[in-house]
Amino acid sequence: MKLGTLVKPVLVAALLVSGSATAAPSAQQVLAASPVDDIVAQYPAMMSQVSAMA
């Protein structure tokens, strides 16, 4: 078997292994970094602005 024919499968396998080794952030980390609480707190004020414009 030629060495050139093995290069691509080995690279794909290496990428799969390295990709699965990285950890995804937890839901708590995502919520801590996102401004969801700020958006929810501002929602009533935003809706009153929208209704005043209409």
C-alpha atoms as a PDB file:
ATOM      1  CA  MET A   1       0.000   0.000   0.000  1.00  0.00           C
ATOM      2  CA  LYS A   2       1.291   3.461  -0.847  1.00  0.00           C
ATOM      3  CA  LEU A   3       2.044   5.972   1.861  1.00  0.00           C
ATOM      4  CA  GLY A   4       0.116   8.675  -0.020  1.00  0.00           C
ATOM      5  CA  THR A   5      -3.148   6.742   0.208  1.00  0.00           C
ATOM      6  CA  LEU A   6      -2.922   6.601   4.005  1.00  0.00           C
ATOM      7  CA  VAL A   7      -2.325  10.314   4.569  1.00  0.00           C
ATOM      8  CA  LYS A   8      -5.916  11.498   4.179  1.00  0.00           C
ATOM      9  CA  PRO A   9      -7.540   8.843   6.423  1.00  0.00           C
ATOM     10  CA  VAL A  10      -4.916   9.454   9.112  1.00  0.00           C
ATOM     11  CA  LEU A  11      -5.502  13.226   8.969  1.00  0.00           C
ATOM     12  CA  VAL A  12      -9.274  12.760   9.199  1.00  0.00           C
ATOM     13  CA  ALA A  13      -8.898  10.415  12.163  1.00  0.00           C
ATOM     14  CA  ALA A  14      -6.555  12.882  13.883  1.00  0.00           C
ATOM     15  CA  LEU A  15      -9.055  15.709  13.379  1.00  0.00           C
ATOM     16  CA  LEU A  16     -11.895  13.622  14.776  1.00  0.00           C
ATOM     17  CA  VAL A  17      -9.896  12.682  17.858  1.00  0.00           C
ATOM     18  CA  SER A  18      -8.714  16.235  18.502  1.00  0.00           C
ATOM     19  CA  GLY A  19     -12.207  17.648  17.924  1.00  0.00           C
ATOM     20  CA  SER A  20     -13.832  15.286  20.384  1.00  0.00           C
ATOM     21  CA  ALA A  21     -11.243  16.083  23.034  1.00  0.00           C
ATOM     22  CA  THR A  22     -12.294  19.725  23.285  1.00  0.00           C
ATOM     23  CA  ALA A  23     -14.975  20.346  25.879  1.00  0.00           C
ATOM     24  CA  ALA A  24     -18.069  22.367  25.135  1.00  0.00           C
ATOM     25  CA  PRO A  25     -18.941  25.078  27.646  1.00  0.00           C
ATOM     26  CA  SER A  26     -21.519  24.168  30.218  1.00  0.00           C
ATOM     27  CA  ALA A  27     -24.963  25.742  30.212  1.00  0.00           C
ATOM     28  CA  GLN A  28     -24.093  27.729  33.338  1.00  0.00           C
ATOM     29  CA  GLN A  29     -21.021  29.210  31.641  1.00  0.00           C
ATOM     30  CA  VAL A  30     -23.079  30.194  28.601  1.00  0.00           C
ATOM     31  CA  LEU A  31     -25.751  31.856  30.719  1.00  0.00           C
ATOM     32  CA  ALA A  32     -23.150  33.666  32.809  1.00  0.00           C
ATOM     33  CA  ALA A  33     -21.553  35.093  29.664  1.00  0.00           C
ATOM     34  CA  SER A  34     -24.814  35.979  27.906  1.00  0.00           C
ATOM     35  CA  PRO A  35     -26.861  39.118  28.579  1.00  0.00           C
ATOM     36  CA  VAL A  36     -30.162  37.212  28.867  1.00  0.00           C
ATOM     37  CA  ASP A  37     -30.966  38.614  32.312  1.00  0.00           C
ATOM     38  CA  ASP A  38     -30.338  42.178  31.123  1.00  0.00           C
ATOM     39  CA  ILE A  39     -32.537  41.686  28.060  1.00  0.00           C
ATOM     40  CA  VAL A  40     -35.373  40.210  30.147  1.00  0.00           C
ATOM     41  CA  ALA A  41     -35.107  43.107  32.609  1.00  0.00           C
ATOM     42  CA  GLN A  42     -35.314  45.658  29.776  1.00  0.00           C
ATOM     43  CA  TYR A  43     -38.206  43.916  27.984  1.00  0.00           C
ATOM     44  CA  PRO A  44     -41.099  45.887  29.561  1.00  0.00           C
ATOM     45  CA  ALA A  45     -39.413  49.186  28.719  1.00  0.00           C
ATOM     46  CA  MET A  46     -38.762  48.053  25.150  1.00  0.00           C
ATOM     47  CA  MET A  47     -42.375  46.983  24.705  1.00  0.00           C
ATOM     48  CA  SER A  48     -43.678  50.304  26.022  1.00  0.00           C
ATOM     49  CA  GLN A  49     -41.469  52.107  23.481  1.00  0.00           C
ATOM     50  CA  VAL A  50     -42.838  49.936  20.684  1.00  0.00           C
ATOM     51  CA  SER A  51     -46.448  50.547  21.693  1.00  0.00           C
ATOM     52  CA  ALA A  52     -45.784  54.313  21.965  1.00  0.00           C
ATOM     53  CA  MET A  53     -44.388  54.325  18.407  1.00  0.00           C
ATOM     54  CA  ALA A  54     -47.399  52.539  16.916  1.00  0.00           C
END
